[in-house]
N, C-alpha and C. Protein backbone atom coordinates (compact mmCIF):
# COMPACT_ATOMS: atom_id res chain seq x y z
N MET A 1 74.44 91.46 104.92
CA MET A 1 75.51 90.47 105.18
C MET A 1 75.16 89.18 104.56
N PRO A 2 76.16 88.39 104.20
CA PRO A 2 75.85 87.10 103.59
C PRO A 2 75.23 86.17 104.50
N ASN A 3 74.55 85.20 103.90
CA ASN A 3 73.98 84.11 104.69
C ASN A 3 75.00 83.17 105.06
N THR A 4 74.66 82.14 105.84
CA THR A 4 75.66 81.08 106.20
C THR A 4 76.32 80.53 104.98
N GLN A 5 77.60 80.46 105.08
CA GLN A 5 78.45 79.95 103.97
C GLN A 5 79.67 79.32 104.51
N THR A 6 80.38 78.70 103.63
CA THR A 6 81.70 78.06 104.00
C THR A 6 82.77 79.03 103.62
N ILE A 7 83.55 79.39 104.60
CA ILE A 7 84.73 80.34 104.44
C ILE A 7 85.99 79.50 104.58
N ASN A 8 86.77 79.40 103.55
CA ASN A 8 88.01 78.66 103.54
C ASN A 8 89.12 79.57 103.34
N GLY A 9 90.27 79.27 103.89
CA GLY A 9 91.45 80.15 103.75
C GLY A 9 92.69 79.42 104.21
N SER A 10 93.81 80.14 104.10
CA SER A 10 95.14 79.58 104.49
C SER A 10 96.11 80.70 104.66
N CYS A 11 97.27 80.32 105.24
CA CYS A 11 98.38 81.17 105.31
C CYS A 11 99.10 81.19 103.99
N LEU A 12 100.09 82.01 103.80
CA LEU A 12 100.85 82.12 102.53
C LEU A 12 101.50 80.83 102.12
N CYS A 13 102.08 80.11 103.07
CA CYS A 13 102.79 78.81 102.71
C CYS A 13 101.95 77.63 102.68
N GLY A 14 100.66 77.73 103.18
CA GLY A 14 99.74 76.71 103.16
C GLY A 14 99.81 75.68 104.32
N GLN A 15 100.73 76.01 105.28
CA GLN A 15 100.90 75.09 106.47
C GLN A 15 99.68 75.19 107.34
N ILE A 16 98.98 76.26 107.44
CA ILE A 16 97.75 76.41 108.25
C ILE A 16 96.60 76.63 107.24
N ARG A 17 95.59 75.79 107.37
CA ARG A 17 94.33 75.93 106.57
C ARG A 17 93.20 76.01 107.58
N TYR A 18 92.21 76.83 107.19
CA TYR A 18 91.03 76.96 108.11
C TYR A 18 89.71 76.86 107.35
N LYS A 19 88.64 76.70 108.14
CA LYS A 19 87.31 76.61 107.59
C LYS A 19 86.38 77.11 108.60
N ALA A 20 85.42 77.91 108.21
CA ALA A 20 84.31 78.35 109.05
C ALA A 20 83.01 78.18 108.24
N VAL A 21 82.06 77.58 108.87
CA VAL A 21 80.69 77.50 108.24
C VAL A 21 79.85 78.48 109.12
N ALA A 22 79.64 79.61 108.58
CA ALA A 22 79.05 80.70 109.45
C ALA A 22 78.47 81.84 108.57
N ALA A 23 77.63 82.56 109.17
CA ALA A 23 77.23 83.92 108.67
C ALA A 23 78.03 84.91 109.42
N PRO A 24 78.82 85.68 108.79
CA PRO A 24 79.64 86.66 109.57
C PRO A 24 78.75 87.58 110.43
N LEU A 25 79.20 87.79 111.66
CA LEU A 25 78.51 88.61 112.62
C LEU A 25 78.75 90.09 112.42
N PHE A 26 79.89 90.41 111.94
CA PHE A 26 80.28 91.75 111.76
C PHE A 26 81.45 91.82 110.74
N GLN A 27 81.49 92.86 109.93
CA GLN A 27 82.57 93.02 108.95
C GLN A 27 83.09 94.52 109.09
N ALA A 28 84.37 94.67 109.12
CA ALA A 28 84.91 96.02 109.28
C ALA A 28 86.27 96.16 108.69
N HIS A 29 86.68 97.42 108.47
CA HIS A 29 87.98 97.81 108.26
C HIS A 29 88.52 98.45 109.47
N CYS A 30 89.60 98.00 110.04
CA CYS A 30 90.13 98.57 111.24
C CYS A 30 91.44 99.34 110.94
N HIS A 31 91.45 100.58 111.41
CA HIS A 31 92.51 101.49 111.10
C HIS A 31 93.42 101.79 112.27
N CYS A 32 93.35 100.93 113.32
CA CYS A 32 94.19 101.20 114.51
C CYS A 32 95.66 100.89 114.17
N GLN A 33 96.53 101.47 114.95
CA GLN A 33 97.98 101.31 114.72
C GLN A 33 98.35 99.83 114.85
N ASP A 34 97.73 99.08 115.81
CA ASP A 34 98.06 97.71 116.04
C ASP A 34 97.80 96.95 114.73
N CYS A 35 96.62 97.13 114.13
CA CYS A 35 96.29 96.44 112.88
C CYS A 35 97.20 96.80 111.70
N ARG A 36 97.57 98.09 111.67
CA ARG A 36 98.44 98.54 110.65
C ARG A 36 99.83 97.83 110.83
N LYS A 37 100.34 97.79 112.07
CA LYS A 37 101.68 97.18 112.30
C LYS A 37 101.66 95.68 112.08
N ASN A 38 100.63 94.98 112.61
CA ASN A 38 100.72 93.58 112.46
C ASN A 38 100.38 93.05 111.09
N GLY A 39 99.66 93.87 110.28
CA GLY A 39 99.37 93.48 108.86
C GLY A 39 100.25 94.09 107.84
N GLY A 40 101.00 95.10 108.25
CA GLY A 40 101.89 95.80 107.27
C GLY A 40 101.14 96.55 106.24
N SER A 41 99.94 97.02 106.50
CA SER A 41 99.12 97.76 105.58
C SER A 41 98.46 98.91 106.21
N ALA A 42 97.74 99.68 105.42
CA ALA A 42 97.06 100.94 105.93
C ALA A 42 95.89 100.61 106.86
N PHE A 43 95.34 99.41 106.75
CA PHE A 43 94.21 98.96 107.63
C PHE A 43 94.05 97.45 107.48
N ALA A 44 93.23 96.87 108.35
CA ALA A 44 92.95 95.45 108.31
C ALA A 44 91.46 95.26 107.92
N ALA A 45 91.19 94.33 107.05
CA ALA A 45 89.86 93.92 106.67
C ALA A 45 89.55 92.65 107.50
N LEU A 46 88.48 92.73 108.35
CA LEU A 46 88.17 91.71 109.32
C LEU A 46 86.73 91.24 109.13
N ALA A 47 86.52 89.94 109.23
CA ALA A 47 85.19 89.34 109.28
C ALA A 47 85.12 88.55 110.59
N PHE A 48 84.14 88.93 111.40
CA PHE A 48 83.97 88.32 112.72
C PHE A 48 82.98 87.18 112.60
N VAL A 49 83.27 86.05 113.17
CA VAL A 49 82.34 84.90 113.18
C VAL A 49 82.30 84.33 114.64
N SER A 50 81.36 83.52 114.87
CA SER A 50 81.29 82.80 116.16
C SER A 50 82.50 81.86 116.26
N ILE A 51 83.15 81.92 117.41
CA ILE A 51 84.44 81.12 117.52
C ILE A 51 84.17 79.63 117.32
N GLU A 52 83.04 79.14 117.70
CA GLU A 52 82.75 77.69 117.54
C GLU A 52 82.61 77.25 116.08
N THR A 53 82.52 78.21 115.14
CA THR A 53 82.30 77.83 113.74
C THR A 53 83.68 77.74 113.04
N LEU A 54 84.72 78.12 113.67
CA LEU A 54 86.06 78.11 112.97
C LEU A 54 86.88 76.93 113.43
N SER A 55 87.49 76.19 112.50
CA SER A 55 88.38 75.13 112.81
C SER A 55 89.62 75.33 111.83
N TRP A 56 90.79 74.82 112.32
CA TRP A 56 91.93 74.90 111.45
C TRP A 56 92.79 73.68 111.62
N GLN A 57 93.61 73.43 110.60
CA GLN A 57 94.57 72.38 110.55
C GLN A 57 95.94 72.98 110.56
N GLY A 58 96.84 72.49 111.38
CA GLY A 58 98.14 73.06 111.58
C GLY A 58 98.22 73.81 112.83
N GLU A 59 99.40 74.05 113.33
CA GLU A 59 99.57 74.65 114.64
C GLU A 59 99.97 76.17 114.45
N THR A 60 99.12 77.02 115.04
CA THR A 60 99.47 78.43 114.99
C THR A 60 100.30 78.86 116.19
N LYS A 61 100.96 79.96 116.03
CA LYS A 61 101.60 80.64 117.15
C LYS A 61 100.70 81.76 117.52
N THR A 62 100.79 82.25 118.76
CA THR A 62 99.94 83.36 119.12
C THR A 62 100.80 84.47 119.77
N PHE A 63 100.20 85.73 119.66
CA PHE A 63 100.79 86.89 120.29
C PHE A 63 99.71 87.62 120.92
N SER A 64 99.80 87.92 122.30
CA SER A 64 98.76 88.66 122.88
C SER A 64 99.25 90.02 123.41
N HIS A 65 98.45 91.03 123.37
CA HIS A 65 98.76 92.32 123.74
C HIS A 65 97.50 93.14 124.16
N ARG A 66 97.74 94.25 124.90
CA ARG A 66 96.59 95.12 125.32
C ARG A 66 96.38 96.12 124.20
N ALA A 67 95.15 96.16 123.74
CA ALA A 67 94.74 97.16 122.67
C ALA A 67 94.44 98.45 123.32
N ASP A 68 94.30 99.50 122.43
CA ASP A 68 93.95 100.83 122.86
C ASP A 68 92.61 100.85 123.69
N SER A 69 91.73 99.90 123.37
CA SER A 69 90.46 99.83 124.06
C SER A 69 90.61 99.24 125.45
N GLY A 70 91.76 98.67 125.76
CA GLY A 70 91.98 98.09 127.08
C GLY A 70 91.82 96.55 127.13
N THR A 71 91.29 96.00 126.05
CA THR A 71 91.09 94.57 125.96
C THR A 71 92.33 93.86 125.56
N ILE A 72 92.38 92.58 125.80
CA ILE A 72 93.54 91.78 125.45
C ILE A 72 93.21 91.11 124.08
N MET A 73 94.00 91.35 123.15
CA MET A 73 93.93 90.84 121.76
C MET A 73 94.91 89.70 121.63
N THR A 74 94.45 88.60 121.09
CA THR A 74 95.35 87.45 120.83
C THR A 74 95.27 87.15 119.32
N LYS A 75 96.47 87.25 118.73
CA LYS A 75 96.54 87.05 117.27
C LYS A 75 97.18 85.70 116.97
N HIS A 76 96.55 85.00 116.02
CA HIS A 76 97.10 83.70 115.62
C HIS A 76 97.78 83.83 114.25
N PHE A 77 98.96 83.27 114.13
CA PHE A 77 99.70 83.39 112.88
C PHE A 77 100.52 82.15 112.59
N CYS A 78 100.92 82.02 111.39
CA CYS A 78 101.69 80.81 110.99
C CYS A 78 103.11 80.97 111.43
N PRO A 79 103.62 79.91 112.10
CA PRO A 79 105.01 79.97 112.59
C PRO A 79 106.02 79.89 111.52
N ASN A 80 105.63 79.39 110.34
CA ASN A 80 106.54 79.27 109.23
C ASN A 80 106.67 80.55 108.37
N CYS A 81 105.52 80.99 107.83
CA CYS A 81 105.56 82.18 106.97
C CYS A 81 105.14 83.48 107.60
N GLY A 82 104.60 83.42 108.78
CA GLY A 82 104.25 84.61 109.58
C GLY A 82 102.90 85.25 109.24
N SER A 83 102.11 84.64 108.34
CA SER A 83 100.80 85.21 107.97
C SER A 83 99.93 85.28 109.18
N GLN A 84 99.32 86.44 109.40
CA GLN A 84 98.30 86.70 110.41
C GLN A 84 97.02 86.13 109.84
N LEU A 85 96.30 85.26 110.60
CA LEU A 85 95.11 84.54 110.14
C LEU A 85 93.87 85.03 110.86
N PHE A 86 93.85 85.03 112.16
CA PHE A 86 92.74 85.35 112.89
C PHE A 86 93.10 85.84 114.34
N GLY A 87 92.11 86.30 115.05
CA GLY A 87 92.41 86.84 116.42
C GLY A 87 91.18 86.91 117.25
N THR A 88 91.41 87.00 118.54
CA THR A 88 90.30 87.11 119.51
C THR A 88 90.48 88.35 120.38
N ASN A 89 89.42 88.71 121.03
CA ASN A 89 89.39 89.86 121.86
C ASN A 89 88.84 89.46 123.21
N SER A 90 89.40 89.77 124.33
CA SER A 90 88.98 89.26 125.58
C SER A 90 87.58 89.80 126.02
N THR A 91 87.13 90.90 125.44
CA THR A 91 85.83 91.44 125.70
C THR A 91 84.75 90.59 125.05
N ARG A 92 85.04 89.99 123.93
CA ARG A 92 84.07 89.16 123.22
C ARG A 92 84.68 87.80 122.92
N PRO A 93 84.91 86.95 123.96
CA PRO A 93 85.49 85.67 123.74
C PRO A 93 84.74 84.66 122.83
N ASP A 94 83.48 84.98 122.57
CA ASP A 94 82.59 84.15 121.72
C ASP A 94 82.83 84.40 120.22
N ARG A 95 83.61 85.40 119.94
CA ARG A 95 83.89 85.82 118.50
C ARG A 95 85.36 85.68 118.16
N ILE A 96 85.62 85.47 116.87
CA ILE A 96 86.99 85.46 116.37
C ILE A 96 86.96 86.23 115.05
N HIS A 97 87.93 87.03 114.82
CA HIS A 97 88.00 87.70 113.49
C HIS A 97 88.96 86.93 112.61
N ILE A 98 88.54 86.87 111.34
CA ILE A 98 89.35 86.26 110.31
C ILE A 98 89.87 87.35 109.36
N LYS A 99 91.15 87.35 109.07
CA LYS A 99 91.74 88.35 108.14
C LYS A 99 91.27 88.00 106.75
N VAL A 100 90.54 88.91 106.20
CA VAL A 100 89.89 88.73 104.92
C VAL A 100 90.90 88.40 103.79
N GLY A 101 92.08 88.91 103.88
CA GLY A 101 93.11 88.69 102.87
C GLY A 101 93.56 87.24 102.81
N THR A 102 93.24 86.44 103.86
CA THR A 102 93.66 85.05 103.89
C THR A 102 92.60 84.13 103.33
N MET A 103 91.43 84.67 102.97
CA MET A 103 90.36 83.83 102.51
C MET A 103 90.55 83.41 101.03
N GLU A 104 90.13 82.28 100.64
CA GLU A 104 90.15 81.84 99.26
C GLU A 104 89.25 82.62 98.41
N ASP A 105 88.11 82.97 98.89
CA ASP A 105 87.20 83.82 98.17
C ASP A 105 86.48 84.77 99.09
N ALA A 106 86.77 85.97 98.97
CA ALA A 106 86.23 86.99 99.81
C ALA A 106 85.34 88.05 99.07
N ALA A 107 84.90 87.65 97.86
CA ALA A 107 84.08 88.53 97.07
C ALA A 107 82.89 89.04 97.76
N TRP A 108 82.35 88.34 98.75
CA TRP A 108 81.15 88.71 99.52
C TRP A 108 81.42 89.79 100.52
N PHE A 109 82.68 90.01 100.85
CA PHE A 109 83.03 90.93 101.98
C PHE A 109 82.56 92.36 101.66
N GLN A 110 81.85 92.89 102.59
CA GLN A 110 81.39 94.36 102.50
C GLN A 110 81.50 94.93 103.91
N PRO A 111 82.52 95.76 104.11
CA PRO A 111 82.66 96.34 105.50
C PRO A 111 81.43 97.13 105.87
N GLN A 112 80.94 96.94 107.12
CA GLN A 112 79.85 97.70 107.64
C GLN A 112 80.27 99.06 108.14
N CYS A 113 81.57 99.12 108.51
CA CYS A 113 82.08 100.37 109.08
C CYS A 113 83.62 100.39 109.10
N ASN A 114 84.15 101.55 109.32
CA ASN A 114 85.62 101.73 109.61
C ASN A 114 85.70 101.95 111.10
N VAL A 115 86.45 101.09 111.80
CA VAL A 115 86.68 101.34 113.21
C VAL A 115 88.08 101.94 113.46
N TRP A 116 88.22 102.64 114.51
CA TRP A 116 89.46 103.37 114.82
C TRP A 116 89.76 104.30 113.64
N ALA A 117 88.67 104.94 113.09
CA ALA A 117 88.87 105.89 112.04
C ALA A 117 89.64 107.13 112.48
N SER A 118 89.73 107.31 113.78
CA SER A 118 90.53 108.49 114.30
C SER A 118 92.05 108.17 114.04
N SER A 119 92.39 106.95 113.79
CA SER A 119 93.81 106.61 113.50
C SER A 119 94.10 106.40 112.01
N ARG A 120 93.06 106.59 111.18
CA ARG A 120 93.22 106.32 109.77
C ARG A 120 94.27 107.22 109.19
N LEU A 121 95.10 106.62 108.26
CA LEU A 121 96.06 107.41 107.57
C LEU A 121 95.39 108.34 106.61
N PRO A 122 95.81 109.58 106.50
CA PRO A 122 95.11 110.59 105.60
C PRO A 122 95.05 110.16 104.14
N SER A 123 96.02 109.29 103.73
CA SER A 123 96.04 108.94 102.31
C SER A 123 95.17 107.70 102.01
N THR A 124 94.48 107.14 103.01
CA THR A 124 93.67 105.91 102.81
C THR A 124 92.26 106.35 102.21
N PRO A 125 92.01 105.88 100.98
CA PRO A 125 90.71 106.20 100.38
C PRO A 125 89.58 105.44 101.11
N ILE A 126 88.46 106.07 101.37
CA ILE A 126 87.37 105.47 102.12
C ILE A 126 86.08 105.75 101.35
N SER A 127 85.25 104.69 101.32
CA SER A 127 83.92 104.86 100.66
C SER A 127 83.05 105.69 101.52
N PRO A 128 82.34 106.69 100.97
CA PRO A 128 81.49 107.54 101.72
C PRO A 128 80.23 106.74 102.24
N ASP A 129 79.99 105.59 101.70
CA ASP A 129 78.83 104.80 102.11
C ASP A 129 79.10 103.91 103.30
N VAL A 130 80.39 103.90 103.84
CA VAL A 130 80.69 103.07 104.99
C VAL A 130 80.89 104.03 106.17
N LYS A 131 80.13 103.71 107.22
CA LYS A 131 80.19 104.55 108.44
C LYS A 131 81.51 104.46 109.18
N ASP A 132 81.97 105.63 109.69
CA ASP A 132 83.21 105.72 110.48
C ASP A 132 82.88 105.79 111.99
N PHE A 133 83.66 105.04 112.74
CA PHE A 133 83.61 105.18 114.19
C PHE A 133 85.06 105.57 114.67
N ALA A 134 85.16 106.56 115.51
CA ALA A 134 86.46 107.01 115.95
C ALA A 134 87.23 105.94 116.69
N THR A 135 86.49 105.03 117.41
CA THR A 135 87.15 103.94 118.13
C THR A 135 86.43 102.67 117.72
N MET A 136 86.49 101.66 118.54
CA MET A 136 85.87 100.31 118.28
C MET A 136 84.60 100.22 119.10
N PRO A 137 83.42 100.45 118.58
CA PRO A 137 82.24 100.44 119.40
C PRO A 137 81.93 99.06 119.97
N ILE A 138 82.28 97.99 119.24
CA ILE A 138 81.93 96.68 119.80
C ILE A 138 82.90 96.22 120.87
N ALA A 139 84.03 96.89 120.98
CA ALA A 139 85.02 96.58 122.04
C ALA A 139 84.42 96.86 123.44
N ARG A 140 83.51 97.78 123.50
CA ARG A 140 82.91 98.09 124.74
C ARG A 140 81.51 97.49 124.92
N ALA A 141 81.17 96.59 124.08
CA ALA A 141 79.90 95.90 124.14
C ALA A 141 79.82 95.03 125.37
N LYS A 142 78.59 94.67 125.80
CA LYS A 142 78.48 93.85 126.97
C LYS A 142 79.12 92.49 126.84
N LYS A 143 79.54 91.92 127.84
CA LYS A 143 80.17 90.61 127.78
C LYS A 143 79.20 89.49 127.70
């Protein structure tokens, strides 16, 4: 994983801009149906950082729901263009995930695993070097 770095990004319209100075704690591709629906893609690329390292300018809207794991997920998005930016999980309130597609430079991103691989679309190409987990192993991690 990369060392501490500055991660900058924004929504599509630029109304929300964010910055994290952090070393990502975890990087993954999530194949759950919730991630597919809220991102409009076959999976979500996520980088998790300590919540205290992330700050943003502009006001996000949020949407909370219960995930398949039973935890409450809260997603932050731009109220103007609708871009999903980041989200939290009630099981790990100290972490926040950043949607890799919203980063200005994500060349460093290397997923450590595929989570919710049991929900992966059969047509999604997957690197054989990236481990699959049928569900989300960190969702059940200690609080």
